[in-house]
Amino acid sequence: MRRPVAYAGCRYTIVYAVCLNQESPGEQFYDGDGLDDGDRAKLNKLFETLGDQGKISNEQKFKKIDDTEFFEFKSFQIRMPCFFVRGQLVVITHGFFKKKDKTPSGEIDRANGSKMKTNKMSDAKNTQYKDKFQEFIADDERRRLYERESLAFDATELIAHLMAESKVSKAELARRIGKTRSYVTQVLAGSRNLTVYTLADLAFALGYCFELKARMCRRQGEDAEQTSSKTCRMYRIPQWPDQNVYKEPVRRRRTSAKSH
């Protein structure tokens, strides 16, 4: 059995590990009843970001598991451990729900066991190029959920990136906006509703401001040519010319015709 592909990106191909008994615990967790489509939309956004960008700045969404060689995708209590192998592959070992902050040792043992079995087939030839991400967004309702989660993730990811670039800690950012450190952690984790006002305050505290833009998104049934023409059309809030377009028109005095 070839490894199922979670997302085929330009930087990494993210796949699910396959055990010697031909089962894939990670794929089974993703497809299982424990997750709904909203959960899958969140995970797919994480896979897409790492696959295409090569990095996720927000440690509330992706981070290294302490004292191990594993990383984990994070979405609220959902955890999916993974590891990097040659050939630009990221292999997801399994998934579980985590209630405590520290990853249980039993889950690390499961990841280790899966890695040992996967090392024997770590090249791209053993990868099944059937992208589950594309399967997910092919449905309009699932695509809507994905776009919603994508926007929320992009906002928190950008804040995390600006924090790293500015070398601003969570505690310092919290002080600047008059909140607690746990509040900032909850915002970055996505467990607190992020309004546009909060987003503007966070960006301003880091010395930045946001601008809005929109792009046409692909819908089911559109061919590649239609998609290509739409995805490169970007829309921003229009910029008016320098002159005051709202200025009052010049009023001219009426001149009455002189009677002869």
Protein backbone atom coordinates (compact mmCIF):
# COMPACT_ATOMS: atom_id res chain seq x y z
CA MET A 1 0.00 0.00 0.00
CA ARG A 2 1.37 3.37 -1.01
CA ARG A 3 1.24 6.24 1.44
CA PRO A 4 -1.88 8.47 1.12
CA VAL A 5 -1.10 12.12 0.45
CA ALA A 6 -2.54 14.73 2.79
CA TYR A 7 -1.19 17.62 0.73
CA ALA A 8 1.27 17.86 -2.17
CA GLY A 9 2.96 21.24 -1.81
CA CYS A 10 5.81 22.97 -3.60
CA ARG A 11 8.08 22.72 -0.54
CA TYR A 12 6.91 19.52 1.14
CA THR A 13 4.63 16.63 0.34
CA ILE A 14 2.73 15.70 3.49
CA VAL A 15 1.77 12.03 3.69
CA TYR A 16 0.25 9.56 6.13
CA ALA A 17 2.44 6.74 7.42
CA VAL A 18 1.45 3.19 6.49
CA CYS A 19 2.17 0.35 8.95
CA LEU A 20 3.32 -3.16 8.07
CA ASN A 21 -0.27 -4.37 8.39
CA GLN A 22 -1.16 -1.90 5.58
CA GLU A 23 -3.15 0.33 7.93
CA SER A 24 -2.66 4.09 8.13
CA PRO A 25 -3.53 5.37 11.65
CA GLY A 26 -3.17 9.02 10.63
CA GLU A 27 -5.50 8.70 7.67
CA GLN A 28 -7.98 6.70 9.74
CA PHE A 29 -7.97 9.45 12.38
CA TYR A 30 -8.50 12.14 9.71
CA ASP A 31 -11.37 10.22 8.08
CA GLY A 32 -12.90 9.01 11.35
CA ASP A 33 -16.08 10.06 13.10
CA GLY A 34 -14.10 11.90 15.79
CA LEU A 35 -13.50 14.83 13.43
CA ASP A 36 -16.07 16.94 11.63
CA ASP A 37 -15.54 18.89 8.40
CA GLY A 38 -14.66 22.02 10.37
CA ASP A 39 -11.81 20.14 12.06
CA ARG A 40 -10.63 18.79 8.72
CA ALA A 41 -10.73 22.28 7.21
CA LYS A 42 -8.42 23.53 9.98
CA LEU A 43 -6.00 20.62 9.50
CA ASN A 44 -5.97 21.03 5.73
CA LYS A 45 -4.99 24.67 6.12
CA LEU A 46 -2.06 23.62 8.31
CA PHE A 47 -0.98 21.01 5.77
CA GLU A 48 -1.24 23.52 2.92
CA THR A 49 0.78 26.17 4.74
CA LEU A 50 3.64 23.86 5.68
CA GLY A 51 3.57 22.19 2.26
CA ASP A 52 3.76 25.43 0.28
CA GLN A 53 5.52 27.85 2.65
CA GLY A 54 7.85 25.35 4.31
CA LYS A 55 7.19 26.84 7.73
CA ILE A 56 4.44 27.67 10.22
CA SER A 57 5.40 30.57 12.48
CA ASN A 58 2.57 30.12 14.97
CA GLU A 59 3.70 27.59 17.60
CA GLN A 60 0.10 27.23 18.72
CA LYS A 61 -0.48 25.48 15.38
CA PHE A 62 2.76 23.60 14.71
CA LYS A 63 5.74 23.00 16.95
CA LYS A 64 8.48 20.55 17.90
CA ILE A 65 7.64 18.06 20.65
CA ASP A 66 10.16 18.61 23.44
CA ASP A 67 13.07 16.16 23.69
CA THR A 68 12.05 14.29 20.53
CA GLU A 69 12.62 14.51 16.80
CA PHE A 70 8.89 14.83 16.18
CA PHE A 71 6.73 17.82 15.41
CA GLU A 72 2.97 18.05 15.75
CA PHE A 73 0.13 19.76 13.91
CA LYS A 74 -2.16 21.38 16.48
CA SER A 75 -5.78 22.46 16.29
CA PHE A 76 -7.35 22.97 19.71
CA GLN A 77 -7.16 19.51 21.31
CA ILE A 78 -6.36 17.74 18.03
CA ARG A 79 -2.75 16.61 17.62
CA MET A 80 -1.12 14.90 14.65
CA PRO A 81 2.57 14.02 15.22
CA CYS A 82 4.88 13.98 12.21
CA PHE A 83 8.53 13.82 11.21
CA PHE A 84 10.64 14.98 8.29
CA VAL A 85 12.45 12.57 5.95
CA ARG A 86 14.58 12.96 2.85
CA GLY A 87 12.91 13.78 -0.42
CA GLN A 88 10.99 16.73 1.06
CA LEU A 89 8.47 14.49 2.78
CA VAL A 90 6.61 15.09 6.01
CA VAL A 91 5.14 11.88 7.41
CA ILE A 92 2.15 12.02 9.77
CA THR A 93 2.25 9.06 12.15
CA HIS A 94 -1.21 9.18 13.76
CA GLY A 95 -3.67 11.49 15.45
CA PHE A 96 -5.16 11.88 18.91
CA PHE A 97 -7.00 14.26 21.21
CA LYS A 98 -4.83 15.89 23.84
CA LYS A 99 -6.35 17.35 27.00
CA LYS A 100 -3.13 18.22 28.82
CA ASP A 101 -0.38 20.58 27.73
CA LYS A 102 2.33 17.92 27.63
CA THR A 103 2.24 15.23 24.96
CA PRO A 104 1.66 11.83 26.64
CA SER A 105 4.64 9.47 26.48
CA GLY A 106 2.41 6.75 25.02
CA GLU A 107 1.67 8.92 21.98
CA ILE A 108 5.40 9.56 21.48
CA ASP A 109 5.98 5.79 21.61
CA ARG A 110 3.32 5.33 18.92
CA ALA A 111 5.03 7.92 16.74
CA ASN A 112 8.41 6.22 17.26
CA GLY A 113 6.99 2.85 16.31
CA SER A 114 5.44 4.26 13.16
CA LYS A 115 8.67 6.02 12.22
CA MET A 116 10.70 2.81 12.49
CA LYS A 117 8.30 1.05 10.14
CA THR A 118 8.23 3.99 7.75
CA ASN A 119 11.99 4.42 7.43
CA LYS A 120 12.09 1.40 5.11
CA MET A 121 10.01 3.24 2.52
CA SER A 122 10.94 6.88 2.86
CA ASP A 123 11.32 7.82 -0.81
CA ALA A 124 8.74 9.46 -3.02
CA LYS A 125 8.22 6.28 -5.07
CA ASN A 126 6.16 4.86 -2.22
CA THR A 127 3.85 7.85 -2.14
CA GLN A 128 0.36 7.61 -3.57
CA TYR A 129 -0.33 10.87 -5.36
CA LYS A 130 -3.98 11.16 -4.51
CA ASP A 131 -4.28 14.46 -2.71
CA LYS A 132 -6.89 14.34 0.07
CA PHE A 133 -6.75 18.13 0.27
CA GLN A 134 -8.08 18.44 -3.29
CA GLU A 135 -10.74 15.85 -2.52
CA PHE A 136 -11.87 17.91 0.46
CA ILE A 137 -12.20 21.28 -1.29
CA ALA A 138 -13.89 19.78 -4.37
CA ASP A 139 -17.18 20.04 -2.47
CA ASP A 140 -18.56 23.60 -2.30
CA GLU A 141 -19.70 23.37 1.32
CA ARG A 142 -16.36 21.99 2.45
CA ARG A 143 -14.60 24.63 0.38
CA ARG A 144 -16.61 27.31 2.20
CA LEU A 145 -15.51 25.89 5.55
CA TYR A 146 -11.91 25.75 4.34
CA GLU A 147 -11.90 29.37 3.16
CA ARG A 148 -13.33 30.49 6.51
CA GLU A 149 -10.70 28.60 8.49
CA SER A 150 -8.02 29.70 6.05
CA LEU A 151 -8.75 33.37 6.68
CA ALA A 152 -8.70 32.89 10.45
CA PHE A 153 -5.43 30.97 10.28
CA ASP A 154 -3.75 33.49 7.97
CA ALA A 155 -4.58 36.29 10.41
CA THR A 156 -3.04 34.52 13.43
CA GLU A 157 -0.10 33.25 11.38
CA LEU A 158 0.70 36.78 10.25
CA ILE A 159 0.54 38.08 13.82
CA ALA A 160 2.89 35.28 14.94
CA HIS A 161 5.27 36.11 12.08
CA LEU A 162 5.30 39.82 12.97
CA MET A 163 5.94 38.94 16.62
CA ALA A 164 8.94 36.82 15.62
CA GLU A 165 10.32 39.48 13.28
CA SER A 166 9.89 42.21 15.89
CA LYS A 167 11.15 39.92 18.68
CA VAL A 168 8.04 40.65 20.72
CA SER A 169 6.99 38.00 23.22
CA LYS A 170 3.41 37.09 24.10
CA ALA A 171 3.82 38.79 27.46
CA GLU A 172 5.06 42.01 25.84
CA LEU A 173 2.31 42.03 23.22
CA ALA A 174 -0.25 41.45 25.97
CA ARG A 175 1.15 44.43 27.90
CA ARG A 176 0.89 46.66 24.83
CA ILE A 177 -2.78 45.88 24.26
CA GLY A 178 -3.72 45.78 27.94
CA LYS A 179 -4.51 42.05 28.06
CA THR A 180 -3.05 38.96 29.71
CA ARG A 181 -0.50 36.59 28.21
CA SER A 182 -3.07 33.80 28.20
CA TYR A 183 -5.36 36.02 26.13
CA VAL A 184 -2.70 36.33 23.41
CA THR A 185 -2.09 32.57 23.55
CA GLN A 186 -5.82 31.91 23.10
CA VAL A 187 -5.99 34.28 20.14
CA LEU A 188 -3.03 32.61 18.42
CA ALA A 189 -4.45 29.16 19.14
CA GLY A 190 -7.78 30.12 17.62
CA SER A 191 -9.71 29.25 20.77
CA ARG A 192 -10.83 32.88 21.17
CA ASN A 193 -12.95 34.61 18.57
CA LEU A 194 -10.74 37.01 16.61
CA THR A 195 -12.65 40.12 15.56
CA VAL A 196 -11.36 42.65 13.04
CA TYR A 197 -11.02 45.11 15.94
CA THR A 198 -8.78 42.72 17.87
CA LEU A 199 -6.75 42.02 14.72
CA ALA A 200 -6.27 45.74 14.12
CA ASP A 201 -5.21 46.29 17.75
CA LEU A 202 -2.65 43.45 17.62
CA ALA A 203 -1.16 44.69 14.36
CA PHE A 204 -1.02 48.29 15.59
CA ALA A 205 0.73 47.19 18.79
CA LEU A 206 3.40 45.59 16.58
CA GLY A 207 3.76 48.70 14.44
CA TYR A 208 1.69 47.49 11.48
CA CYS A 209 -1.76 47.89 9.99
CA PHE A 210 -3.80 45.57 7.81
CA GLU A 211 -5.20 46.14 4.35
CA LEU A 212 -7.98 44.10 2.74
CA LYS A 213 -7.96 42.28 -0.57
CA ALA A 214 -10.05 39.54 -2.13
CA ARG A 215 -9.57 36.97 -4.87
CA MET A 216 -11.96 34.92 -6.94
CA CYS A 217 -12.12 31.36 -5.61
CA ARG A 218 -12.61 28.22 -7.64
CA ARG A 219 -16.03 26.61 -7.54
CA GLN A 220 -17.03 23.07 -8.37
CA GLY A 221 -17.48 22.48 -12.09
CA GLU A 222 -15.13 25.24 -13.26
CA ASP A 223 -12.43 24.15 -15.67
CA ALA A 224 -8.72 24.92 -15.33
CA GLU A 225 -8.86 27.88 -17.72
CA GLN A 226 -11.64 29.56 -15.77
CA THR A 227 -9.81 28.97 -12.49
CA SER A 228 -6.53 30.31 -13.85
CA SER A 229 -8.13 33.54 -15.06
CA LYS A 230 -9.96 34.08 -11.79
CA THR A 231 -7.26 33.27 -9.26
CA CYS A 232 -4.92 35.92 -10.63
CA ARG A 233 -7.54 38.67 -10.30
CA MET A 234 -6.94 40.37 -6.98
CA TYR A 235 -9.21 43.05 -5.53
CA ARG A 236 -8.32 45.70 -3.00
CA ILE A 237 -10.21 48.57 -1.43
CA PRO A 238 -10.16 51.17 -4.25
CA GLN A 239 -7.77 54.10 -3.96
CA TRP A 240 -9.32 57.38 -4.93
CA PRO A 241 -7.43 60.02 -6.94
CA ASP A 242 -5.68 62.80 -5.07
CA GLN A 243 -8.33 65.35 -5.88
CA ASN A 244 -11.38 65.59 -3.66
CA VAL A 245 -14.07 63.71 -5.58
CA TYR A 246 -16.69 64.91 -3.13
CA LYS A 247 -15.99 68.64 -3.50
CA GLU A 248 -18.95 70.82 -4.25
CA PRO A 249 -19.38 71.83 -7.87
CA VAL A 250 -18.64 75.43 -8.73
CA ARG A 251 -21.84 77.37 -8.79
CA ARG A 252 -22.19 79.83 -11.59
CA ARG A 253 -24.21 82.97 -11.24
CA ARG A 254 -27.28 83.15 -13.38
CA THR A 255 -27.32 86.10 -15.72
CA SER A 256 -30.68 87.27 -16.87
CA ALA A 257 -30.99 88.33 -20.46
CA LYS A 258 -31.20 92.10 -20.84
CA SER A 259 -34.37 93.33 -22.41
CA HIS A 260 -33.82 95.44 -25.46
